[in-house]
Amino acid sequence: MSDTAQSKWIPAKSWQHFVGGAIGGMAGAIVTSPFDVVKTRLQSSLFRESHLAVNVVANGMNGGVLTMPQGRSGLLRHFVETTHIIRDIYRDESPRALFKGLGATLVGVIPARSINFFTYGNGKQIIAQRFNDGVENSYVHLGAAAFAGIVTGSVTNPIWVVKTRLQLVSNHAAALQSTSQRSLVSSLDMIKQIAREEGIRGFYKGLSASYLGVTEGTIQWVLYEKLKRLNTESHGKGGFREWAGMLGSAGTAKCVASLITYPHEVLRTRLRQPMVNGVKKYTGLVQTLRLVIAEEGARSLYGGLSAHLMRVVPNAAVMFWVYEGILRWGNDSS
């Protein structure tokens, strides 16, 4: 392929998006891993059921009816609950449990962020050049982000299934599962079990919810691009204020996108849960949505929201900051 033909399809320095996404995603995942564990457990019905069982044993029954403690309402209660769960995991399961599933997370994050940033970063340039006279705008960003989300979700879904299953294996949740499940200690064990019990299709549970979640990535990218442009116009390029503004832009974009689209996270986690006693409770996206609302109410669709925000906002800030830094470094070193 000639250099002229290649330049039409592959923008110059496309590798920077790939490397920047990988390193940024890895840094963010390590820093915020404990919140990821808490978020997954709060989204899962298995954890909720096992937590209820523990309260029955610890508090007893009051006239045959379990009375659950009533805490503060609203977002503050969720943040308090998050810190309590982190404390309980640290105390009951060891500090290492706060990083349970991190191996699978990194195995997923590195290719996922590489693919997403590579596809988006190069995609927006290609779309702009071929369809908008080389000018980037919100429509270009939207199209590139949607395409990047679909590609990333399709390729990495099996990794997230394994990660979710690993994070649901705890002393509490194990009480509701089989002996073979309680003995799982590694990603390889989990992969073997899923393949044995559910086949290849088991690795693609929650894929429909992942596609629904493409809207989150799309909103995040479009909003980030707008905020980054406003920040650059206000403070110029280079200097502390621009980089601080970039951190704020990334965190704000992720926060807004997460608040708008969060229910798909809960649905995806439920779809990826393991079978209990050979019974598959959640079978499809619509069925899961209806069942969760019927059994637990609409508020349960925001289970784990505080832990999610405590994880994804700083995660996005770190990830995009590193990503932008690598892009700048690559351009300056040329």
C-alpha atoms as a PDB file:
ATOM      1  CA  MET A   1       0.000   0.000   0.000  1.00  0.00           C
ATOM      2  CA  SER A   2       1.396   3.386  -0.938  1.00  0.00           C
ATOM      3  CA  ASP A   3       1.921   6.146   1.601  1.00  0.00           C
ATOM      4  CA  THR A   4      -0.763   8.208  -0.150  1.00  0.00           C
ATOM      5  CA  ALA A   5      -3.350   5.421   0.014  1.00  0.00           C
ATOM      6  CA  GLN A   6      -2.440   4.615   3.594  1.00  0.00           C
ATOM      7  CA  SER A   7      -2.843   8.230   4.724  1.00  0.00           C
ATOM      8  CA  LYS A   8      -6.439   8.229   3.498  1.00  0.00           C
ATOM      9  CA  TRP A   9      -7.396   5.446   5.886  1.00  0.00           C
ATOM     10  CA  ILE A  10      -4.850   5.461   8.708  1.00  0.00           C
ATOM     11  CA  PRO A  11      -4.053   8.882  10.206  1.00  0.00           C
ATOM     12  CA  ALA A  12      -0.453   9.680  11.057  1.00  0.00           C
ATOM     13  CA  LYS A  13       0.725   8.584  14.502  1.00  0.00           C
ATOM     14  CA  SER A  14      -2.322   6.391  15.049  1.00  0.00           C
ATOM     15  CA  TRP A  15      -0.264   4.308  17.495  1.00  0.00           C
ATOM     16  CA  GLN A  16      -0.415   7.115  20.053  1.00  0.00           C
ATOM     17  CA  HIS A  17      -4.127   6.557  20.622  1.00  0.00           C
ATOM     18  CA  PHE A  18      -3.528   2.839  21.148  1.00  0.00           C
ATOM     19  CA  VAL A  19      -0.661   3.275  23.625  1.00  0.00           C
ATOM     20  CA  GLY A  20      -2.252   6.223  25.409  1.00  0.00           C
ATOM     21  CA  GLY A  21      -5.507   4.346  25.953  1.00  0.00           C
ATOM     22  CA  ALA A  22      -3.700   1.277  27.290  1.00  0.00           C
ATOM     23  CA  ILE A  23      -1.498   3.117  29.782  1.00  0.00           C
ATOM     24  CA  GLY A  24      -4.232   5.508  30.869  1.00  0.00           C
ATOM     25  CA  GLY A  25      -6.755   2.721  31.367  1.00  0.00           C
ATOM     26  CA  MET A  26      -4.271   0.653  33.370  1.00  0.00           C
ATOM     27  CA  ALA A  27      -3.407   3.533  35.696  1.00  0.00           C
ATOM     28  CA  GLY A  28      -7.042   4.388  36.358  1.00  0.00           C
ATOM     29  CA  ALA A  29      -8.061   0.777  36.975  1.00  0.00           C
ATOM     30  CA  ILE A  30      -5.377   0.148  39.581  1.00  0.00           C
ATOM     31  CA  VAL A  31      -6.130   3.324  41.535  1.00  0.00           C
ATOM     32  CA  THR A  32      -9.893   2.724  41.701  1.00  0.00           C
ATOM     33  CA  SER A  33     -10.100  -1.090  41.940  1.00  0.00           C
ATOM     34  CA  PRO A  34     -11.688  -1.234  45.452  1.00  0.00           C
ATOM     35  CA  PHE A  35     -14.652   0.831  44.284  1.00  0.00           C
ATOM     36  CA  ASP A  36     -15.079  -1.464  41.295  1.00  0.00           C
ATOM     37  CA  VAL A  37     -15.400  -4.484  43.596  1.00  0.00           C
ATOM     38  CA  VAL A  38     -17.993  -2.713  45.752  1.00  0.00           C
ATOM     39  CA  LYS A  39     -19.944  -1.503  42.718  1.00  0.00           C
ATOM     40  CA  THR A  40     -20.198  -4.999  41.255  1.00  0.00           C
ATOM     41  CA  ARG A  41     -21.433  -6.477  44.519  1.00  0.00           C
ATOM     42  CA  LEU A  42     -24.027  -3.771  45.037  1.00  0.00           C
ATOM     43  CA  GLN A  43     -25.334  -4.322  41.516  1.00  0.00           C
ATOM     44  CA  SER A  44     -25.650  -8.083  42.050  1.00  0.00           C
ATOM     45  CA  SER A  45     -28.716  -9.789  43.480  1.00  0.00           C
ATOM     46  CA  LEU A  46     -26.478 -12.586  44.827  1.00  0.00           C
ATOM     47  CA  PHE A  47     -24.654 -10.163  47.098  1.00  0.00           C
ATOM     48  CA  ARG A  48     -27.900  -8.547  48.211  1.00  0.00           C
ATOM     49  CA  GLU A  49     -29.383 -11.939  49.096  1.00  0.00           C
ATOM     50  CA  SER A  50     -26.291 -13.111  50.958  1.00  0.00           C
ATOM     51  CA  HIS A  51     -26.055  -9.780  52.806  1.00  0.00           C
ATOM     52  CA  LEU A  52     -29.675 -10.262  53.870  1.00  0.00           C
ATOM     53  CA  ALA A  53     -28.860 -13.771  55.120  1.00  0.00           C
ATOM     54  CA  VAL A  54     -25.958 -12.444  57.168  1.00  0.00           C
ATOM     55  CA  ASN A  55     -28.224  -9.832  58.767  1.00  0.00           C
ATOM     56  CA  VAL A  56     -30.735 -12.557  59.696  1.00  0.00           C
ATOM     57  CA  VAL A  57     -28.029 -14.495  61.511  1.00  0.00           C
ATOM     58  CA  ALA A  58     -26.486 -11.422  63.131  1.00  0.00           C
ATOM     59  CA  ASN A  59     -29.671  -9.592  64.153  1.00  0.00           C
ATOM     60  CA  GLY A  60     -32.194 -12.391  64.468  1.00  0.00           C
ATOM     61  CA  MET A  61     -35.863 -12.220  63.584  1.00  0.00           C
ATOM     62  CA  ASN A  62     -38.298  -9.776  65.133  1.00  0.00           C
ATOM     63  CA  GLY A  63     -41.636 -11.505  65.419  1.00  0.00           C
ATOM     64  CA  GLY A  64     -40.841 -13.617  62.369  1.00  0.00           C
ATOM     65  CA  VAL A  65     -40.070 -10.592  60.209  1.00  0.00           C
ATOM     66  CA  LEU A  66     -36.581  -9.305  59.510  1.00  0.00           C
ATOM     67  CA  THR A  67     -36.309  -5.574  60.176  1.00  0.00           C
ATOM     68  CA  MET A  68     -33.582  -3.948  58.151  1.00  0.00           C
ATOM     69  CA  PRO A  69     -31.810  -0.923  59.645  1.00  0.00           C
ATOM     70  CA  GLN A  70     -32.887   2.359  58.149  1.00  0.00           C
ATOM     71  CA  GLY A  71     -30.028   4.688  57.301  1.00  0.00           C
ATOM     72  CA  ARG A  72     -29.803   8.107  55.798  1.00  0.00           C
ATOM     73  CA  SER A  73     -31.675   8.539  52.590  1.00  0.00           C
ATOM     74  CA  GLY A  74     -30.352   9.824  49.311  1.00  0.00           C
ATOM     75  CA  LEU A  75     -26.906   9.888  47.820  1.00  0.00           C
ATOM     76  CA  LEU A  76     -25.169  10.397  51.193  1.00  0.00           C
ATOM     77  CA  ARG A  77     -26.504   7.050  52.418  1.00  0.00           C
ATOM     78  CA  HIS A  78     -25.051   5.341  49.355  1.00  0.00           C
ATOM     79  CA  PHE A  79     -21.625   6.839  49.954  1.00  0.00           C
ATOM     80  CA  VAL A  80     -21.746   5.749  53.606  1.00  0.00           C
ATOM     81  CA  GLU A  81     -22.808   2.264  52.510  1.00  0.00           C
ATOM     82  CA  THR A  82     -19.884   2.119  50.093  1.00  0.00           C
ATOM     83  CA  THR A  83     -17.345   2.940  52.792  1.00  0.00           C
ATOM     84  CA  HIS A  84     -18.907   0.368  55.115  1.00  0.00           C
ATOM     85  CA  ILE A  85     -18.674  -2.364  52.490  1.00  0.00           C
ATOM     86  CA  ILE A  86     -15.034  -1.504  51.799  1.00  0.00           C
ATOM     87  CA  ARG A  87     -14.393  -1.726  55.548  1.00  0.00           C
ATOM     88  CA  ASP A  88     -16.168  -5.090  55.793  1.00  0.00           C
ATOM     89  CA  ILE A  89     -14.294  -6.544  52.828  1.00  0.00           C
ATOM     90  CA  TYR A  90     -10.985  -5.346  54.289  1.00  0.00           C
ATOM     91  CA  ARG A  91     -11.823  -6.826  57.699  1.00  0.00           C
ATOM     92  CA  ASP A  92     -13.544 -10.077  56.709  1.00  0.00           C
ATOM     93  CA  GLU A  93     -11.807 -11.051  53.480  1.00  0.00           C
ATOM     94  CA  SER A  94      -8.365  -9.381  53.691  1.00  0.00           C
ATOM     95  CA  PRO A  95      -7.043  -6.258  51.934  1.00  0.00           C
ATOM     96  CA  ARG A  96      -6.307  -8.311  48.814  1.00  0.00           C
ATOM     97  CA  ALA A  97     -10.034  -8.868  48.354  1.00  0.00           C
ATOM     98  CA  LEU A  98     -10.398  -5.158  47.560  1.00  0.00           C
ATOM     99  CA  PHE A  99      -8.447  -5.899  44.393  1.00  0.00           C
ATOM    100  CA  LYS A 100     -10.336  -9.083  43.533  1.00  0.00           C
ATOM    101  CA  GLY A 101     -10.742  -9.398  39.787  1.00  0.00           C
ATOM    102  CA  LEU A 102      -8.046  -6.773  39.146  1.00  0.00           C
ATOM    103  CA  GLY A 103      -6.090  -9.227  37.006  1.00  0.00           C
ATOM    104  CA  ALA A 104      -9.118  -9.801  34.802  1.00  0.00           C
ATOM    105  CA  THR A 105      -9.845  -6.075  34.897  1.00  0.00           C
ATOM    106  CA  LEU A 106      -6.372  -5.204  33.621  1.00  0.00           C
ATOM    107  CA  VAL A 107      -6.544  -7.937  31.013  1.00  0.00           C
ATOM    108  CA  GLY A 108      -9.797  -6.330  29.901  1.00  0.00           C
ATOM    109  CA  VAL A 109      -8.928  -2.676  30.427  1.00  0.00           C
ATOM    110  CA  ILE A 110      -5.701  -2.669  28.459  1.00  0.00           C
ATOM    111  CA  PRO A 111      -7.156  -4.027  25.194  1.00  0.00           C
ATOM    112  CA  ALA A 112     -10.519  -2.313  25.788  1.00  0.00           C
ATOM    113  CA  ARG A 113      -9.038   1.137  26.260  1.00  0.00           C
ATOM    114  CA  SER A 114      -6.503   0.556  23.516  1.00  0.00           C
ATOM    115  CA  ILE A 115      -9.237  -0.450  21.074  1.00  0.00           C
ATOM    116  CA  ASN A 116     -11.622   2.293  22.198  1.00  0.00           C
ATOM    117  CA  PHE A 117      -9.129   5.161  22.097  1.00  0.00           C
ATOM    118  CA  PHE A 118      -7.530   3.866  18.902  1.00  0.00           C
ATOM    119  CA  THR A 119     -10.881   3.445  17.151  1.00  0.00           C
ATOM    120  CA  TYR A 120     -12.262   6.756  18.372  1.00  0.00           C
ATOM    121  CA  GLY A 121      -9.112   8.837  17.969  1.00  0.00           C
ATOM    122  CA  ASN A 122      -8.484   7.676  14.422  1.00  0.00           C
ATOM    123  CA  GLY A 123     -12.153   7.262  13.551  1.00  0.00           C
ATOM    124  CA  LYS A 124     -13.032  10.889  14.171  1.00  0.00           C
ATOM    125  CA  GLN A 125     -10.214  11.978  11.849  1.00  0.00           C
ATOM    126  CA  ILE A 126     -11.271   9.572   9.106  1.00  0.00           C
ATOM    127  CA  ILE A 127     -14.958  10.518   9.372  1.00  0.00           C
ATOM    128  CA  ALA A 128     -14.129  14.218   9.348  1.00  0.00           C
ATOM    129  CA  GLN A 129     -11.835  13.903   6.333  1.00  0.00           C
ATOM    130  CA  ARG A 130     -14.186  11.785   4.257  1.00  0.00           C
ATOM    131  CA  PHE A 131     -17.553  13.267   5.174  1.00  0.00           C
ATOM    132  CA  ASN A 132     -17.063  16.753   6.624  1.00  0.00           C
ATOM    133  CA  ASP A 133     -14.198  18.382   4.701  1.00  0.00           C
ATOM    134  CA  GLY A 134     -11.729  17.601   7.468  1.00  0.00           C
ATOM    135  CA  VAL A 135     -13.677  19.545  10.121  1.00  0.00           C
ATOM    136  CA  GLU A 136     -14.504  17.906  13.443  1.00  0.00           C
ATOM    137  CA  ASN A 137     -17.811  18.656  15.116  1.00  0.00           C
ATOM    138  CA  SER A 138     -20.208  16.998  17.553  1.00  0.00           C
ATOM    139  CA  TYR A 139     -21.729  14.780  14.864  1.00  0.00           C
ATOM    140  CA  VAL A 140     -18.297  13.498  13.900  1.00  0.00           C
ATOM    141  CA  HIS A 141     -17.472  12.825  17.550  1.00  0.00           C
ATOM    142  CA  LEU A 142     -20.817  11.079  18.069  1.00  0.00           C
ATOM    143  CA  GLY A 143     -20.341   8.742  15.113  1.00  0.00           C
ATOM    144  CA  ALA A 144     -16.775   7.874  16.053  1.00  0.00           C
ATOM    145  CA  ALA A 145     -17.695   7.260  19.693  1.00  0.00           C
ATOM    146  CA  ALA A 146     -20.645   4.999  18.825  1.00  0.00           C
ATOM    147  CA  PHE A 147     -18.556   2.920  16.448  1.00  0.00           C
ATOM    148  CA  ALA A 148     -15.714   2.666  18.978  1.00  0.00           C
ATOM    149  CA  GLY A 149     -18.139   1.531  21.683  1.00  0.00           C
ATOM    150  CA  ILE A 150     -19.641  -1.240  19.551  1.00  0.00           C
ATOM    151  CA  VAL A 151     -16.240  -2.555  18.490  1.00  0.00           C
ATOM    152  CA  THR A 152     -14.864  -2.454  22.034  1.00  0.00           C
ATOM    153  CA  GLY A 153     -17.900  -4.142  23.584  1.00  0.00           C
ATOM    154  CA  SER A 154     -17.948  -6.946  21.036  1.00  0.00           C
ATOM    155  CA  VAL A 155     -14.266  -7.784  21.431  1.00  0.00           C
ATOM    156  CA  THR A 156     -13.910  -7.552  25.213  1.00  0.00           C
ATOM    157  CA  ASN A 157     -17.238  -8.856  26.581  1.00  0.00           C
ATOM    158  CA  PRO A 158     -15.818 -12.299  27.573  1.00  0.00           C
ATOM    159  CA  ILE A 159     -13.197 -10.627  29.758  1.00  0.00           C
ATOM    160  CA  TRP A 160     -15.785  -8.585  31.646  1.00  0.00           C
ATOM    161  CA  VAL A 161     -17.916 -11.681  32.240  1.00  0.00           C
ATOM    162  CA  VAL A 162     -14.950 -13.388  33.925  1.00  0.00           C
ATOM    163  CA  LYS A 163     -14.152 -10.266  35.954  1.00  0.00           C
ATOM    164  CA  THR A 164     -17.742  -9.928  37.170  1.00  0.00           C
ATOM    165  CA  ARG A 165     -17.908 -13.577  38.231  1.00  0.00           C
ATOM    166  CA  LEU A 166     -14.630 -13.265  40.148  1.00  0.00           C
ATOM    167  CA  GLN A 167     -15.817 -10.199  42.019  1.00  0.00           C
ATOM    168  CA  LEU A 168     -19.013 -11.973  43.076  1.00  0.00           C
ATOM    169  CA  VAL A 169     -17.060 -14.779  44.726  1.00  0.00           C
ATOM    170  CA  SER A 170     -16.811 -13.775  48.374  1.00  0.00           C
ATOM    171  CA  ASN A 171     -17.363 -15.431  51.722  1.00  0.00           C
ATOM    172  CA  HIS A 172     -20.935 -14.111  51.768  1.00  0.00           C
ATOM    173  CA  ALA A 173     -21.901 -14.897  48.192  1.00  0.00           C
ATOM    174  CA  ALA A 174     -20.253 -18.317  48.363  1.00  0.00           C
ATOM    175  CA  ALA A 175     -22.792 -19.388  50.963  1.00  0.00           C
ATOM    176  CA  LEU A 176     -25.413 -19.371  48.224  1.00  0.00           C
ATOM    177  CA  GLN A 177     -23.313 -21.223  45.668  1.00  0.00           C
ATOM    178  CA  SER A 178     -21.990 -24.699  45.079  1.00  0.00           C
ATOM    179  CA  THR A 179     -18.773 -26.125  46.533  1.00  0.00           C
ATOM    180  CA  SER A 180     -17.083 -25.956  43.143  1.00  0.00           C
ATOM    181  CA  GLN A 181     -17.857 -22.247  42.913  1.00  0.00           C
ATOM    182  CA  ARG A 182     -16.502 -21.578  46.407  1.00  0.00           C
ATOM    183  CA  SER A 183     -13.167 -23.072  45.409  1.00  0.00           C
ATOM    184  CA  LEU A 184     -12.598 -20.668  42.510  1.00  0.00           C
ATOM    185  CA  VAL A 185      -9.418 -18.676  43.084  1.00  0.00           C
ATOM    186  CA  SER A 186      -8.240 -17.582  39.647  1.00  0.00           C
ATOM    187  CA  SER A 187      -9.347 -16.251  36.309  1.00  0.00           C
ATOM    188  CA  LEU A 188      -8.333 -19.522  34.646  1.00  0.00           C
ATOM    189  CA  ASP A 189     -10.565 -21.530  36.993  1.00  0.00           C
ATOM    190  CA  MET A 190     -13.464 -19.209  36.206  1.00  0.00           C
ATOM    191  CA  ILE A 191     -12.893 -19.459  32.459  1.00  0.00           C
ATOM    192  CA  LYS A 192     -12.914 -23.251  32.675  1.00  0.00           C
ATOM    193  CA  GLN A 193     -16.112 -23.297  34.720  1.00  0.00           C
ATOM    194  CA  ILE A 194     -17.980 -20.936  32.397  1.00  0.00           C
ATOM    195  CA  ALA A 195     -16.892 -22.942  29.348  1.00  0.00           C
ATOM    196  CA  ARG A 196     -17.864 -26.214  31.001  1.00  0.00           C
ATOM    197  CA  GLU A 197     -21.242 -25.177  32.397  1.00  0.00           C
ATOM    198  CA  GLU A 198     -22.447 -22.576  29.888  1.00  0.00           C
ATOM    199  CA  GLY A 199     -20.410 -23.002  26.731  1.00  0.00           C
ATOM    200  CA  ILE A 200     -19.155 -20.221  24.483  1.00  0.00           C
ATOM    201  CA  ARG A 201     -22.426 -18.305  24.826  1.00  0.00           C
ATOM    202  CA  GLY A 202     -21.704 -17.871  28.537  1.00  0.00           C
ATOM    203  CA  PHE A 203     -18.851 -15.495  27.705  1.00  0.00           C
ATOM    204  CA  TYR A 204     -21.228 -13.165  25.876  1.00  0.00           C
ATOM    205  CA  LYS A 205     -23.774 -12.683  28.635  1.00  0.00           C
ATOM    206  CA  GLY A 206     -24.629  -9.039  29.067  1.00  0.00           C
ATOM    207  CA  LEU A 207     -23.571  -8.152  25.527  1.00  0.00           C
ATOM    208  CA  SER A 208     -26.962  -6.626  24.748  1.00  0.00           C
ATOM    209  CA  ALA A 209     -26.627  -4.389  27.826  1.00  0.00           C
ATOM    210  CA  SER A 210     -23.089  -3.518  26.719  1.00  0.00           C
ATOM    211  CA  TYR A 211     -24.444  -2.333  23.384  1.00  0.00           C
ATOM    212  CA  LEU A 212     -27.033  -0.304  25.285  1.00  0.00           C
ATOM    213  CA  GLY A 213     -24.116   1.143  27.230  1.00  0.00           C
ATOM    214  CA  VAL A 214     -22.576   2.475  24.026  1.00  0.00           C
ATOM    215  CA  THR A 215     -24.716   5.540  24.707  1.00  0.00           C
ATOM    216  CA  GLU A 216     -22.652   6.243  27.822  1.00  0.00           C
ATOM    217  CA  GLY A 217     -19.364   6.242  25.935  1.00  0.00           C
ATOM    218  CA  THR A 218     -20.885   8.356  23.194  1.00  0.00           C
ATOM    219  CA  ILE A 219     -22.172  10.986  25.625  1.00  0.00           C
ATOM    220  CA  GLN A 220     -18.856  10.947  27.461  1.00  0.00           C
ATOM    221  CA  TRP A 221     -16.711  11.494  24.359  1.00  0.00           C
ATOM    222  CA  VAL A 222     -18.930  14.214  22.873  1.00  0.00           C
ATOM    223  CA  LEU A 223     -19.157  16.103  26.163  1.00  0.00           C
ATOM    224  CA  TYR A 224     -15.441  15.717  26.846  1.00  0.00           C
ATOM    225  CA  GLU A 225     -14.523  17.130  23.446  1.00  0.00           C
ATOM    226  CA  LYS A 226     -16.746  20.171  24.058  1.00  0.00           C
ATOM    227  CA  LEU A 227     -15.415  20.783  27.564  1.00  0.00           C
ATOM    228  CA  LYS A 228     -11.828  20.282  26.445  1.00  0.00           C
ATOM    229  CA  ARG A 229     -12.282  22.809  23.637  1.00  0.00           C
ATOM    230  CA  LEU A 230     -13.815  25.368  26.023  1.00  0.00           C
ATOM    231  CA  ASN A 231     -10.984  24.763  28.481  1.00  0.00           C
ATOM    232  CA  THR A 232      -8.353  25.273  25.790  1.00  0.00           C
ATOM    233  CA  GLU A 233     -10.045  28.463  24.593  1.00  0.00           C
ATOM    234  CA  SER A 234     -10.098  29.810  28.150  1.00  0.00           C
ATOM    235  CA  HIS A 235      -6.598  28.870  29.273  1.00  0.00           C
ATOM    236  CA  GLY A 236      -4.671  28.194  26.079  1.00  0.00           C
ATOM    237  CA  LYS A 237      -2.429  25.209  25.481  1.00  0.00           C
ATOM    238  CA  GLY A 238       0.134  24.178  28.051  1.00  0.00           C
ATOM    239  CA  GLY A 239       0.474  25.129  31.668  1.00  0.00           C
ATOM    240  CA  PHE A 240      -1.061  23.985  34.923  1.00  0.00           C
ATOM    241  CA  ARG A 241      -4.500  25.538  34.368  1.00  0.00           C
ATOM    242  CA  GLU A 242      -5.037  23.750  31.067  1.00  0.00           C
ATOM    243  CA  TRP A 243      -4.052  20.359  32.497  1.00  0.00           C
ATOM    244  CA  ALA A 244      -6.158  20.899  35.619  1.00  0.00           C
ATOM    245  CA  GLY A 245      -9.079  21.875  33.399  1.00  0.00           C
ATOM    246  CA  MET A 246      -8.545  18.750  31.354  1.00  0.00           C
ATOM    247  CA  LEU A 247      -8.839  16.623  34.494  1.00  0.00           C
ATOM    248  CA  GLY A 248     -12.073  18.401  35.340  1.00  0.00           C
ATOM    249  CA  SER A 249     -13.408  18.000  31.811  1.00  0.00           C
ATOM    250  CA  ALA A 250     -12.790  14.249  31.816  1.00  0.00           C
ATOM    251  CA  GLY A 251     -14.308  13.741  35.267  1.00  0.00           C
ATOM    252  CA  THR A 252     -17.355  15.895  34.525  1.00  0.00           C
ATOM    253  CA  ALA A 253     -18.047  14.175  31.199  1.00  0.00           C
ATOM    254  CA  LYS A 254     -17.896  10.749  32.817  1.00  0.00           C
ATOM    255  CA  CYS A 255     -20.063  11.796  35.751  1.00  0.00           C
ATOM    256  CA  VAL A 256     -22.821  13.175  33.516  1.00  0.00           C
ATOM    257  CA  ALA A 257     -22.727  10.195  31.145  1.00  0.00           C
ATOM    258  CA  SER A 258     -22.868   7.744  34.059  1.00  0.00           C
ATOM    259  CA  LEU A 259     -25.807   9.443  35.751  1.00  0.00           C
ATOM    260  CA  ILE A 260     -27.804   9.370  32.514  1.00  0.00           C
ATOM    261  CA  THR A 261     -27.101   5.762  31.531  1.00  0.00           C
ATOM    262  CA  TYR A 262     -26.332   3.954  34.813  1.00  0.00           C
ATOM    263  CA  PRO A 263     -29.217   1.397  34.825  1.00  0.00           C
ATOM    264  CA  HIS A 264     -27.588  -0.508  31.962  1.00  0.00           C
ATOM    265  CA  GLU A 265     -24.675  -1.267  34.320  1.00  0.00           C
ATOM    266  CA  VAL A 266     -26.983  -3.039  36.768  1.00  0.00           C
ATOM    267  CA  LEU A 267     -28.737  -4.968  34.008  1.00  0.00           C
ATOM    268  CA  ARG A 268     -25.396  -6.053  32.560  1.00  0.00           C
ATOM    269  CA  THR A 269     -24.145  -7.296  35.935  1.00  0.00           C
ATOM    270  CA  ARG A 270     -27.350  -9.280  36.518  1.00  0.00           C
ATOM    271  CA  LEU A 271     -27.095 -10.889  33.089  1.00  0.00           C
ATOM    272  CA  ARG A 272     -23.512 -11.944  33.840  1.00  0.00           C
ATOM    273  CA  GLN A 273     -24.316 -13.547  37.182  1.00  0.00           C
ATOM    274  CA  PRO A 274     -23.694 -17.296  37.476  1.00  0.00           C
ATOM    275  CA  MET A 275     -26.560 -19.768  37.671  1.00  0.00           C
ATOM    276  CA  VAL A 276     -27.678 -20.759  41.169  1.00  0.00           C
ATOM    277  CA  ASN A 277     -28.541 -24.441  41.621  1.00  0.00           C
ATOM    278  CA  GLY A 278     -28.671 -24.786  37.856  1.00  0.00           C
ATOM    279  CA  VAL A 279     -31.280 -22.020  37.521  1.00  0.00           C
ATOM    280  CA  LYS A 280     -30.670 -19.039  35.256  1.00  0.00           C
ATOM    281  CA  LYS A 281     -32.661 -16.185  36.752  1.00  0.00           C
ATOM    282  CA  TYR A 282     -31.889 -13.464  34.225  1.00  0.00           C
ATOM    283  CA  THR A 283     -32.257 -14.470  30.586  1.00  0.00           C
ATOM    284  CA  GLY A 284     -32.529 -11.293  28.521  1.00  0.00           C
ATOM    285  CA  LEU A 285     -32.314  -7.533  28.663  1.00  0.00           C
ATOM    286  CA  VAL A 286     -36.046  -6.781  28.727  1.00  0.00           C
ATOM    287  CA  GLN A 287     -36.811  -9.748  31.012  1.00  0.00           C
ATOM    288  CA  THR A 288     -34.106  -8.616  33.444  1.00  0.00           C
ATOM    289  CA  LEU A 289     -35.392  -5.029  33.472  1.00  0.00           C
ATOM    290  CA  ARG A 290     -38.946  -6.148  34.219  1.00  0.00           C
ATOM    291  CA  LEU A 291     -37.910  -8.663  36.866  1.00  0.00           C
ATOM    292  CA  VAL A 292     -35.612  -6.270  38.731  1.00  0.00           C
ATOM    293  CA  ILE A 293     -38.299  -3.567  38.852  1.00  0.00           C
ATOM    294  CA  ALA A 294     -40.997  -6.067  39.902  1.00  0.00           C
ATOM    295  CA  GLU A 295     -38.939  -7.666  42.676  1.00  0.00           C
ATOM    296  CA  GLU A 296     -36.824  -4.780  43.929  1.00  0.00           C
ATOM    297  CA  GLY A 297     -38.313  -1.575  42.593  1.00  0.00           C
ATOM    298  CA  ALA A 298     -36.966   0.950  40.112  1.00  0.00           C
ATOM    299  CA  ARG A 299     -34.503   2.352  42.672  1.00  0.00           C
ATOM    300  CA  SER A 300     -32.528  -0.893  42.507  1.00  0.00           C
ATOM    301  CA  LEU A 301     -31.513   0.079  38.969  1.00  0.00           C
ATOM    302  CA  TYR A 302     -29.198   2.567  40.679  1.00  0.00           C
ATOM    303  CA  GLY A 303     -27.674   0.051  43.094  1.00  0.00           C
ATOM    304  CA  GLY A 304     -23.959   0.699  43.526  1.00  0.00           C
ATOM    305  CA  LEU A 305     -24.195   4.171  41.959  1.00  0.00           C
ATOM    306  CA  SER A 306     -22.104   5.864  44.634  1.00  0.00           C
ATOM    307  CA  ALA A 307     -19.309   3.286  44.367  1.00  0.00           C
ATOM    308  CA  HIS A 308     -19.543   3.557  40.601  1.00  0.00           C
ATOM    309  CA  LEU A 309     -19.137   7.340  40.642  1.00  0.00           C
ATOM    310  CA  MET A 310     -16.339   7.146  43.218  1.00  0.00           C
ATOM    311  CA  ARG A 311     -14.541   4.830  40.818  1.00  0.00           C
ATOM    312  CA  VAL A 312     -15.285   6.095  37.310  1.00  0.00           C
ATOM    313  CA  VAL A 313     -14.905   9.846  37.854  1.00  0.00           C
ATOM    314  CA  PRO A 314     -11.290   9.733  39.118  1.00  0.00           C
ATOM    315  CA  ASN A 315     -10.649   6.814  36.771  1.00  0.00           C
ATOM    316  CA  ALA A 316     -11.704   8.887  33.766  1.00  0.00           C
ATOM    317  CA  ALA A 317      -9.730  11.895  34.971  1.00  0.00           C
ATOM    318  CA  VAL A 318      -6.535   9.852  35.334  1.00  0.00           C
ATOM    319  CA  MET A 319      -7.098   7.917  32.118  1.00  0.00           C
ATOM    320  CA  PHE A 320      -7.760  10.925  29.885  1.00  0.00           C
ATOM    321  CA  TRP A 321      -4.980  12.945  31.510  1.00  0.00           C
ATOM    322  CA  VAL A 322      -2.455  10.179  30.732  1.00  0.00           C
ATOM    323  CA  TYR A 323      -3.916   9.736  27.245  1.00  0.00           C
ATOM    324  CA  GLU A 324      -3.638  13.424  26.410  1.00  0.00           C
ATOM    325  CA  GLY A 325      -0.139  13.497  27.867  1.00  0.00           C
ATOM    326  CA  ILE A 326       1.025  10.695  25.590  1.00  0.00           C
ATOM    327  CA  LEU A 327      -0.518  12.395  22.558  1.00  0.00           C
ATOM    328  CA  ARG A 328       1.281  15.629  23.432  1.00  0.00           C
ATOM    329  CA  TRP A 329       4.548  13.765  24.095  1.00  0.00           C
ATOM    330  CA  GLY A 330       4.279  11.970  20.751  1.00  0.00           C
ATOM    331  CA  ASN A 331       3.699  15.227  18.885  1.00  0.00           C
ATOM    332  CA  ASP A 332       6.500  17.064  20.691  1.00  0.00           C
ATOM    333  CA  SER A 333       9.012  14.245  20.124  1.00  0.00           C
ATOM    334  CA  SER A 334       8.402  14.149  16.356  1.00  0.00           C
END
